[in-house]
């Protein structure tokens, strides 16, 4: 029971705001060195310093494959290269300039559900006011920005396997304001 309470507390503390709601209605801009596009299959393969931007959402990788479904939703697979992981960054709604940053050997982004999956050597970090509020490292991380939920599994297949790797989470202490000193109320003098 204590594990369940601790896990729920950690999840709530780690992601306390939703991704910027306006991002989903923004156009997608992609910069790259090379493009191979198959308009019949709606598949575009970008290579060389790929930078994809949509509102506050920023994704970078050496290679990205973007597909589009008949409804117009985009699906992105970002692939790393030796020594260079794929990354994403997105502003969260809420106060204190909150951001979520991720990196992994492969990142999959579903534009319809706004679900991000990070595979192999994955890291998800929440920053608030420029400081790290929480960070989780694992072999697989799934982050749902709409539901404010993420899950960490011990294998890059997205499953928890007996004997698989271990994950780590660090949560910074809350920045609590010191209580202001109060002066005791003046006691009336007897007889007055």
Protein backbone atom coordinates (compact mmCIF):
# COMPACT_ATOMS: atom_id res chain seq x y z
CA UNK A 1 0.00 0.00 0.00
CA UNK A 2 2.82 2.43 0.87
CA UNK A 3 4.41 1.83 -2.56
CA UNK A 4 1.14 2.76 -4.27
CA UNK A 5 0.78 5.96 -2.24
CA UNK A 6 4.43 6.88 -2.87
CA UNK A 7 4.10 6.22 -6.61
CA UNK A 8 0.93 8.32 -6.87
CA UNK A 9 2.56 11.15 -4.91
CA UNK A 10 5.64 11.08 -7.15
CA UNK A 11 3.55 11.13 -10.31
CA UNK A 12 1.47 14.07 -9.11
CA UNK A 13 4.53 16.02 -8.05
CA UNK A 14 6.40 15.32 -11.28
CA UNK A 15 3.80 16.59 -13.73
CA UNK A 16 1.54 19.27 -12.31
CA UNK A 17 0.47 21.08 -15.47
CA UNK A 18 -0.70 20.29 -18.97
CA UNK A 19 1.20 20.94 -22.15
CA UNK A 20 0.53 24.30 -23.74
CA UNK A 21 -3.01 23.87 -25.12
CA UNK A 22 -2.46 26.27 -28.02
CA UNK A 23 0.31 24.10 -29.53
CA UNK A 24 -2.12 21.66 -31.16
CA UNK A 25 -3.60 24.40 -33.36
CA UNK A 26 -0.25 25.79 -34.57
CA UNK A 27 1.40 24.96 -37.89
CA UNK A 28 4.39 22.60 -37.91
CA UNK A 29 7.70 23.94 -39.20
CA UNK A 30 10.54 21.54 -39.99
CA UNK A 31 14.12 22.48 -40.87
CA UNK A 32 16.52 19.82 -42.17
CA UNK A 33 19.42 19.04 -44.51
CA UNK A 34 17.64 16.51 -46.75
CA UNK A 35 14.06 15.36 -47.45
CA UNK A 36 12.63 12.27 -49.15
CA UNK A 37 8.84 12.58 -49.52
CA UNK A 38 6.29 10.02 -50.65
CA UNK A 39 3.08 12.01 -51.09
CA UNK A 40 1.05 8.92 -52.04
CA UNK A 41 1.84 7.21 -48.71
CA UNK A 42 2.02 10.52 -46.81
CA UNK A 43 5.49 9.69 -45.48
CA UNK A 44 8.29 12.25 -45.26
CA UNK A 45 11.81 11.32 -44.14
CA UNK A 46 13.94 14.22 -42.94
CA UNK A 47 17.67 13.81 -42.29
CA UNK A 48 20.46 16.01 -41.02
CA UNK A 49 19.94 18.33 -38.05
CA UNK A 50 16.15 17.98 -38.08
CA UNK A 51 14.31 20.60 -36.00
CA UNK A 52 10.53 20.35 -35.77
CA UNK A 53 8.63 23.22 -34.15
CA UNK A 54 4.90 23.57 -33.42
CA UNK A 55 4.06 26.37 -31.01
CA UNK A 56 6.18 25.71 -27.91
CA UNK A 57 6.80 22.08 -28.91
CA UNK A 58 10.39 21.65 -30.12
CA UNK A 59 11.78 18.30 -31.32
CA UNK A 60 15.31 17.69 -32.59
CA UNK A 61 17.07 14.65 -34.02
CA UNK A 62 19.47 13.53 -36.74
CA UNK A 63 16.55 11.81 -38.55
CA UNK A 64 12.76 12.15 -38.39
CA UNK A 65 10.00 10.28 -40.19
CA UNK A 66 6.68 12.15 -40.34
CA UNK A 67 3.48 10.45 -41.47
CA UNK A 68 0.03 11.96 -41.77
CA UNK A 69 -3.28 10.15 -41.46
CA UNK A 70 -6.37 10.91 -43.60
CA UNK A 71 -7.70 13.21 -40.83
CA UNK A 72 -4.52 15.32 -41.03
CA UNK A 73 -2.92 14.21 -37.75
CA UNK A 74 0.86 13.92 -37.80
CA UNK A 75 2.93 11.12 -36.29
CA UNK A 76 6.65 11.67 -35.81
CA UNK A 77 9.45 9.18 -35.13
CA UNK A 78 12.73 10.83 -34.12
CA UNK A 79 15.86 8.69 -34.36
CA UNK A 80 19.23 9.26 -32.75
CA UNK A 81 22.69 8.81 -34.23
CA UNK A 82 25.89 7.74 -32.45
CA UNK A 83 26.48 10.27 -29.68
CA UNK A 84 23.33 12.32 -30.45
CA UNK A 85 19.98 11.53 -28.81
CA UNK A 86 16.61 12.72 -30.05
CA UNK A 87 15.07 15.45 -27.85
CA UNK A 88 11.79 17.23 -27.29
CA UNK A 89 10.75 20.24 -25.24
CA UNK A 90 7.31 21.72 -24.54
CA UNK A 91 5.96 24.51 -22.37
CA UNK A 92 3.34 23.56 -19.82
CA UNK A 93 0.28 25.65 -19.04
CA UNK A 94 0.53 27.19 -15.61
CA UNK A 95 2.56 29.65 -13.58
CA UNK A 96 6.32 29.87 -13.05
CA UNK A 97 7.51 29.16 -16.61
CA UNK A 98 7.11 25.36 -16.52
CA UNK A 99 8.65 23.10 -19.20
CA UNK A 100 8.94 19.38 -19.85
CA UNK A 101 12.09 18.13 -21.60
CA UNK A 102 12.81 14.63 -22.85
CA UNK A 103 15.58 12.76 -24.57
CA UNK A 104 16.05 9.18 -25.77
CA UNK A 105 17.53 7.08 -28.53
CA UNK A 106 14.10 7.07 -30.23
CA UNK A 107 11.09 9.29 -29.61
CA UNK A 108 7.62 8.71 -31.05
CA UNK A 109 5.09 11.54 -31.02
CA UNK A 110 1.38 11.01 -31.76
CA UNK A 111 -0.15 14.33 -32.84
CA UNK A 112 -3.71 13.04 -32.41
CA UNK A 113 -3.39 11.95 -28.78
CA UNK A 114 -0.38 14.15 -27.90
CA UNK A 115 1.34 11.06 -26.50
CA UNK A 116 5.15 11.00 -26.45
CA UNK A 117 7.02 7.69 -26.10
CA UNK A 118 10.74 7.68 -25.30
CA UNK A 119 12.68 4.49 -26.02
CA UNK A 120 16.14 3.46 -24.70
CA UNK A 121 18.22 5.63 -22.37
CA UNK A 122 15.17 7.82 -21.82
CA UNK A 123 14.97 10.86 -19.58
CA UNK A 124 12.04 13.13 -18.76
CA UNK A 125 12.60 16.33 -16.81
CA UNK A 126 10.22 19.01 -15.55
CA UNK A 127 11.66 22.47 -14.97
CA UNK A 128 9.99 25.33 -13.18
CA UNK A 129 11.40 28.84 -13.28
CA UNK A 130 14.56 27.51 -14.93
CA UNK A 131 15.26 24.96 -12.17
CA UNK A 132 14.76 21.20 -12.33
CA UNK A 133 11.66 20.27 -10.32
CA UNK A 134 11.79 16.53 -11.08
CA UNK A 135 13.57 14.09 -13.33
CA UNK A 136 13.03 10.44 -14.20
CA UNK A 137 15.41 8.15 -16.10
CA UNK A 138 14.52 4.73 -17.52
CA UNK A 139 14.58 2.51 -20.57
CA UNK A 140 11.03 3.50 -21.62
CA UNK A 141 8.91 6.51 -20.69
CA UNK A 142 5.43 7.24 -21.97
CA UNK A 143 4.22 10.83 -21.44
CA UNK A 144 0.58 11.85 -22.04
CA UNK A 145 0.46 15.64 -21.99
CA UNK A 146 -3.35 15.82 -22.10
CA UNK A 147 -3.91 13.58 -19.08
CA UNK A 148 -0.85 14.81 -17.17
CA UNK A 149 0.37 11.23 -16.81
CA UNK A 150 3.58 9.38 -17.45
CA UNK A 151 4.72 5.80 -16.99
CA UNK A 152 8.22 4.35 -16.74
CA UNK A 153 9.06 0.75 -17.69
CA UNK A 154 12.33 -1.14 -17.26
CA UNK A 155 12.77 -2.27 -20.88
CA UNK A 156 12.88 -0.35 -24.14
CA UNK A 157 10.02 -2.51 -25.43
CA UNK A 158 7.66 -0.52 -23.19
CA UNK A 159 7.03 -3.47 -20.89
CA UNK A 160 8.26 -4.20 -17.39
CA UNK A 161 10.29 -7.40 -17.48
CA UNK A 162 11.59 -9.41 -14.51
CA UNK A 163 15.30 -8.78 -14.14
CA UNK A 164 15.11 -5.73 -16.41
CA UNK A 165 16.89 -2.47 -15.69
CA UNK A 166 16.10 -0.10 -12.87
CA UNK A 167 14.76 3.43 -13.18
CA UNK A 168 15.48 6.49 -11.08
CA UNK A 169 13.38 9.49 -10.11
CA UNK A 170 14.56 12.63 -8.35
CA UNK A 171 12.09 15.17 -6.95
CA UNK A 172 13.40 18.45 -5.66
CA UNK A 173 11.99 19.72 -2.35
CA UNK A 174 9.17 22.21 -2.65
CA UNK A 175 10.25 25.83 -2.31
CA UNK A 176 8.29 26.72 0.79
CA UNK A 177 8.15 30.31 1.93
CA UNK A 178 9.18 30.82 5.57
CA UNK A 179 6.32 31.64 7.86
CA UNK A 180 6.24 35.26 8.96
CA UNK A 181 6.78 35.82 12.63
CA UNK A 182 3.67 36.85 14.46
CA UNK A 183 3.72 38.86 17.61
CA UNK A 184 1.65 37.58 20.48
CA UNK A 185 -1.52 39.49 21.13
CA UNK A 186 -1.21 42.08 23.85
CA UNK A 187 -2.81 40.85 27.01
CA UNK A 188 -5.02 43.36 28.80
CA UNK A 189 -3.70 44.45 32.12
CA UNK A 190 -5.96 43.33 34.97
CA UNK A 191 -8.15 46.15 36.24
CA UNK A 192 -7.98 48.21 33.05
